[in-house]
Protein backbone atom coordinates (compact mmCIF):
# COMPACT_ATOMS: atom_id res chain seq x y z
CA MET A 1 82.10 61.59 84.35
CA SER A 2 82.56 65.20 83.24
CA ASN A 3 85.85 66.58 81.95
CA GLU A 4 86.08 68.70 85.09
CA SER A 5 85.75 65.62 87.31
CA VAL A 6 88.34 63.75 85.26
CA MET A 7 90.80 66.64 85.58
CA ALA A 8 90.19 66.82 89.34
CA GLU A 9 90.90 63.10 89.72
CA LEU A 10 94.06 63.36 87.63
CA HIS A 11 95.24 66.31 89.73
CA LYS A 12 94.53 64.36 92.92
CA ASP A 13 96.44 61.33 91.61
CA TYR A 14 99.36 63.58 90.67
CA ILE A 15 99.58 65.11 94.15
CA HIS A 16 99.22 61.69 95.79
CA GLY A 17 102.00 60.33 93.58
CA LEU A 18 104.33 63.15 94.61
CA ILE A 19 103.57 62.70 98.31
CA ILE A 20 104.27 58.96 98.10
CA GLN A 21 107.71 59.89 96.73
CA GLY A 22 108.21 62.39 99.58
CA LYS A 23 107.83 65.34 97.19
CA ARG A 24 105.46 68.31 96.85
CA MET A 25 104.36 70.55 93.98
CA ASP A 26 106.26 73.55 95.38
CA GLY A 27 109.45 71.57 96.05
CA ARG A 28 109.21 71.55 99.85
CA ALA A 29 109.82 68.55 102.08
CA LEU A 30 106.71 67.08 103.72
CA ASP A 31 107.63 68.66 107.07
CA GLU A 32 108.78 72.02 105.68
CA TYR A 33 107.01 75.32 106.36
CA ARG A 34 106.65 78.11 103.81
CA ASP A 35 108.21 81.54 104.30
CA ILE A 36 106.40 83.82 106.76
CA SER A 37 106.26 87.61 106.65
CA ILE A 38 104.46 89.80 109.22
CA GLU A 39 103.88 93.55 109.01
CA THR A 40 102.37 95.25 112.06
CA GLY A 41 100.67 98.63 112.21
CA TYR A 42 99.07 97.87 108.85
CA VAL A 43 95.66 99.44 109.61
CA GLU A 44 96.14 103.00 110.83
CA LYS A 45 92.81 103.43 112.65
CA ALA A 46 92.91 100.10 114.51
CA GLU A 47 94.22 99.73 118.07
CA GLY A 48 96.50 97.02 116.68
CA SER A 49 96.88 95.31 113.32
CA ALA A 50 99.00 92.95 111.26
CA LYS A 51 99.31 91.69 107.70
CA VAL A 52 100.55 88.12 107.31
CA LEU A 53 102.01 86.40 104.27
CA LEU A 54 102.37 82.62 104.57
CA GLY A 55 103.54 81.47 101.17
CA ASP A 56 100.69 82.52 98.84
CA THR A 57 98.23 82.96 101.71
CA GLN A 58 97.56 86.55 102.66
CA LEU A 59 95.40 88.02 105.41
CA VAL A 60 94.97 91.13 107.54
CA VAL A 61 93.98 91.20 111.22
CA GLY A 62 92.69 94.28 113.01
CA VAL A 63 92.06 94.77 116.74
CA LYS A 64 89.46 97.16 118.14
CA ILE A 65 89.30 97.81 121.92
CA GLN A 66 86.51 99.58 123.81
CA PRO A 67 84.82 99.48 127.23
CA GLY A 68 81.75 97.31 127.69
CA GLU A 69 79.95 94.90 130.01
CA PRO A 70 81.63 91.62 131.04
CA PHE A 71 80.11 88.18 130.55
CA ALA A 72 77.88 87.19 133.48
CA ASP A 73 80.07 84.19 134.35
CA SER A 74 83.31 86.24 134.21
CA PRO A 75 82.51 89.56 135.91
CA GLY A 76 86.16 90.38 136.54
CA LYS A 77 87.60 89.53 133.14
CA GLY A 78 87.88 91.29 129.81
CA VAL A 79 86.17 89.89 126.73
CA ILE A 80 87.65 88.55 123.48
CA ILE A 81 85.49 88.30 120.35
CA VAL A 82 86.92 86.93 117.08
CA ASN A 83 85.25 87.48 113.72
CA THR A 84 86.43 86.32 110.31
CA GLU A 85 85.67 87.47 106.79
CA LEU A 86 86.49 85.17 103.90
CA ILE A 87 86.49 87.56 100.95
CA PRO A 88 84.89 85.79 97.95
CA THR A 89 87.72 86.82 95.60
CA ALA A 90 90.24 85.12 97.91
CA SER A 91 89.19 81.57 97.00
CA PRO A 92 86.83 79.67 94.67
CA SER A 93 85.32 78.06 97.79
CA PHE A 94 84.42 81.36 99.51
CA GLU A 95 80.93 82.74 98.96
CA SER A 96 79.23 86.07 99.61
CA GLY A 97 76.74 86.40 102.44
CA PRO A 98 76.70 85.52 106.15
CA PRO A 99 79.71 83.65 107.61
CA GLY A 100 79.73 80.03 106.47
CA GLU A 101 81.01 76.93 108.22
CA LYS A 102 84.64 77.55 107.25
CA ALA A 103 84.57 81.14 108.57
CA VAL A 104 82.96 80.05 111.84
CA GLU A 105 85.53 77.27 112.28
CA LEU A 106 88.41 79.68 111.65
CA ALA A 107 87.07 82.20 114.17
CA ARG A 108 86.45 79.58 116.84
CA LEU A 109 89.86 77.97 116.51
CA THR A 110 91.67 81.31 116.49
CA ASP A 111 89.71 82.31 119.61
CA ARG A 112 90.43 78.96 121.27
CA GLY A 113 94.16 79.33 120.72
CA ILE A 114 94.22 82.76 122.37
CA ARG A 115 91.83 81.89 125.17
CA GLN A 116 93.04 78.40 126.18
CA SER A 117 96.69 79.40 126.08
CA GLY A 118 96.01 82.33 128.41
CA ALA A 119 97.73 84.55 125.85
CA ILE A 120 96.01 87.65 127.26
CA ASP A 121 95.67 88.28 131.01
CA LEU A 122 91.94 88.99 130.94
CA GLU A 123 91.79 89.88 134.64
CA LYS A 124 93.97 92.92 133.92
CA LEU A 125 91.31 94.12 131.48
CA CYS A 126 88.74 94.64 134.24
CA ILE A 127 87.77 98.28 134.82
CA THR A 128 84.97 97.83 137.37
CA GLU A 129 84.12 94.26 138.31
CA GLY A 130 80.70 93.20 137.15
CA GLU A 131 80.12 96.50 135.37
CA LYS A 132 82.80 97.49 132.91
CA VAL A 133 85.74 95.72 131.24
CA TRP A 134 87.74 96.12 128.06
CA LEU A 135 86.25 94.35 125.03
CA ILE A 136 88.76 93.12 122.44
CA PHE A 137 87.39 92.61 118.93
CA ILE A 138 89.70 90.67 116.61
CA ASP A 139 88.73 90.83 112.93
CA VAL A 140 90.46 88.46 110.50
CA HIS A 141 90.15 89.27 106.78
CA VAL A 142 91.43 86.55 104.43
CA LEU A 143 92.58 88.26 101.22
CA ASP A 144 94.09 85.28 99.40
CA ASP A 145 93.69 81.61 100.39
CA GLY A 146 96.86 79.86 99.31
CA GLY A 147 96.25 77.17 101.93
CA ASN A 148 96.57 76.89 105.71
CA ILE A 149 94.68 80.05 106.64
CA MET A 150 94.37 78.69 110.20
CA ASP A 151 98.06 79.05 111.04
CA ALA A 152 98.20 82.45 109.33
CA SER A 153 95.14 83.62 111.29
CA GLU A 154 96.66 82.68 114.66
CA LEU A 155 99.94 84.38 113.77
CA GLY A 156 98.10 87.49 112.58
CA ALA A 157 95.89 87.66 115.65
CA MET A 158 98.85 87.39 118.03
CA ALA A 159 100.89 89.95 116.07
CA ALA A 160 97.97 92.39 116.07
CA LEU A 161 97.37 91.87 119.81
CA THR A 162 101.06 92.43 120.54
CA ASP A 163 100.91 95.60 118.42
CA ALA A 164 97.74 96.86 120.16
CA ARG A 165 97.42 99.50 122.87
CA ILE A 166 94.45 99.95 125.19
CA PRO A 167 92.92 103.38 124.33
CA LYS A 168 92.47 104.56 127.90
CA GLU A 169 93.00 108.23 127.06
CA ARG A 170 90.11 108.22 124.56
CA TYR A 171 87.72 107.12 127.30
CA GLU A 172 89.35 109.20 130.06
CA LEU A 173 90.45 106.10 131.94
CA GLY A 174 94.16 106.82 132.22
CA THR A 175 97.17 106.56 129.94
CA ASP A 176 97.22 104.27 126.91
CA GLU A 177 99.14 101.06 127.49
CA PRO A 178 99.91 97.77 125.72
CA LEU A 179 97.64 94.77 126.07
CA PRO A 180 98.82 92.35 128.80
CA VAL A 181 100.16 89.68 126.43
CA ARG A 182 101.71 86.83 128.42
CA ASP A 183 101.98 83.95 125.93
CA VAL A 184 102.37 83.45 122.18
CA PRO A 185 100.38 80.44 120.97
CA VAL A 186 101.30 79.17 117.50
CA ALA A 187 99.00 77.00 115.39
CA ILE A 188 100.60 74.20 113.36
CA THR A 189 98.47 72.47 110.73
CA PHE A 190 98.94 69.14 108.95
CA VAL A 191 96.90 67.30 106.35
CA GLU A 192 96.91 63.57 105.63
CA ILE A 193 97.57 62.65 102.01
CA ALA A 194 98.30 59.12 100.79
CA GLY A 195 98.95 58.02 104.37
CA GLU A 196 101.54 60.75 104.99
CA LEU A 197 101.42 63.81 107.25
CA VAL A 198 101.99 66.99 105.25
CA LEU A 199 102.88 70.19 107.14
CA ASP A 200 101.59 73.66 106.20
CA PRO A 201 99.40 72.52 103.28
CA THR A 202 98.81 74.56 100.14
CA TYR A 203 95.30 75.16 98.84
CA GLU A 204 95.71 72.36 96.29
CA GLU A 205 96.89 69.93 98.96
CA GLU A 206 93.95 70.77 101.19
CA GLN A 207 91.53 69.94 98.37
CA VAL A 208 92.79 66.33 98.09
CA ALA A 209 93.55 65.64 101.77
CA GLY A 210 91.78 62.95 103.77
CA CYS A 211 91.72 65.04 106.94
CA LYS A 212 93.27 68.10 108.57
CA LEU A 213 94.78 68.44 112.04
CA THR A 214 95.64 71.73 113.76
CA ILE A 215 97.68 71.73 116.98
CA ILE A 216 98.03 74.95 118.99
CA VAL A 217 101.28 75.14 120.95
CA LYS A 218 102.03 77.46 123.87
CA SER A 219 105.43 78.93 124.63
CA GLY A 220 107.38 76.23 126.41
CA GLY A 221 105.87 73.44 124.33
CA SER A 222 102.59 72.57 126.07
CA ILE A 223 99.49 72.01 123.95
CA ALA A 224 96.67 74.58 124.21
CA GLY A 225 94.27 72.92 121.78
CA MET A 226 93.80 70.50 118.90
CA GLN A 227 91.19 70.19 116.18
CA LYS A 228 90.69 67.59 113.46
CA SER A 229 88.40 68.03 110.47
CA GLY A 230 87.61 65.87 107.47
CA ALA A 231 86.44 62.29 107.14
CA GLY A 232 89.89 60.66 107.15
CA THR A 233 91.56 59.08 110.16
CA LEU A 234 94.96 59.29 111.82
CA SER A 235 96.77 56.50 113.61
CA GLN A 236 98.04 56.88 117.16
CA GLU A 237 101.59 56.91 115.82
CA GLN A 238 100.73 59.68 113.33
CA LEU A 239 99.14 61.73 116.11
CA LYS A 240 102.19 61.37 118.34
CA ARG A 241 104.46 62.37 115.47
CA ALA A 242 102.28 65.36 114.66
CA VAL A 243 102.43 66.63 118.26
CA HIS A 244 106.20 66.22 118.38
CA THR A 245 106.65 68.03 115.06
CA ALA A 246 104.22 70.79 116.03
CA ILE A 247 106.15 71.57 119.21
CA GLU A 248 109.40 71.80 117.23
CA LYS A 249 107.95 73.92 114.44
CA ALA A 250 106.15 76.31 116.80
CA ASP A 251 109.43 76.99 118.59
CA GLU A 252 111.20 77.53 115.26
CA ILE A 253 108.55 80.03 114.16
CA ARG A 254 108.74 82.02 117.41
CA SER A 255 112.54 82.07 117.19
CA SER A 256 112.80 83.01 113.50
CA GLU A 257 114.05 86.51 112.74
CA SER A 258 111.17 87.21 110.35
CA VAL A 259 108.49 86.92 113.06
CA ARG A 260 110.17 87.08 116.48
CA GLU A 261 110.05 90.88 116.85
CA LYS A 262 106.38 90.94 115.78
CA LEU A 263 105.22 88.23 118.19
CA VAL A 264 107.31 88.93 121.27
CA ARG A 265 107.08 92.40 122.81
CA ALA A 266 110.40 93.77 123.94
């Protein structure tokens, strides 16, 4: 076994040992979230934008809105398209080139949270049914992966959408107005380490986890989506506990002073 492999195993054993004792490398409790900071209006030329700091994780989300054709199966609804860019300097696991599996997963889950929660009233984005609707492009750029980019991406997307205005004047379609945001989904992610559920994992914790579970919670506490990844398993009791904790934490995040004004339009 190489020295690098030995060091990786020792690091894994160290993290597992801490978790078994109910401790973490950064001093948090197992069910404790890191500090969140959101800055909107970060990209001047975008219709809406936000920069999110979640502990050491840092990303920027921009929203572009323009008229276009609707999907054939939704002729009276606007269109949402989410793209992600994992900048290679943001993490040792990110590579240059076309979007990889991790980028695709991040985009799909961010899209699912917005779409399945009904966060945007897509019917109000119809200009001419079957011919023209508003297209919403959401671009997520991960600048620094300190762990749990999924939760940060959902927060950033919702903050940018809340910040956005439909550019009707540019296309001579009326007066600019805010997007019809009607819900604020929040993603809550856990990893399983040494048989314990660990909330809001760091990058190091993600590397040694058996599996990851993300739960997307709507306002009011209903579940909009769930996704598990990794080879590990979760018991029925762990899953129930994760859902209960996710509902509590999502409400805390929406209510916190640091993010409330960025996620909920006055």
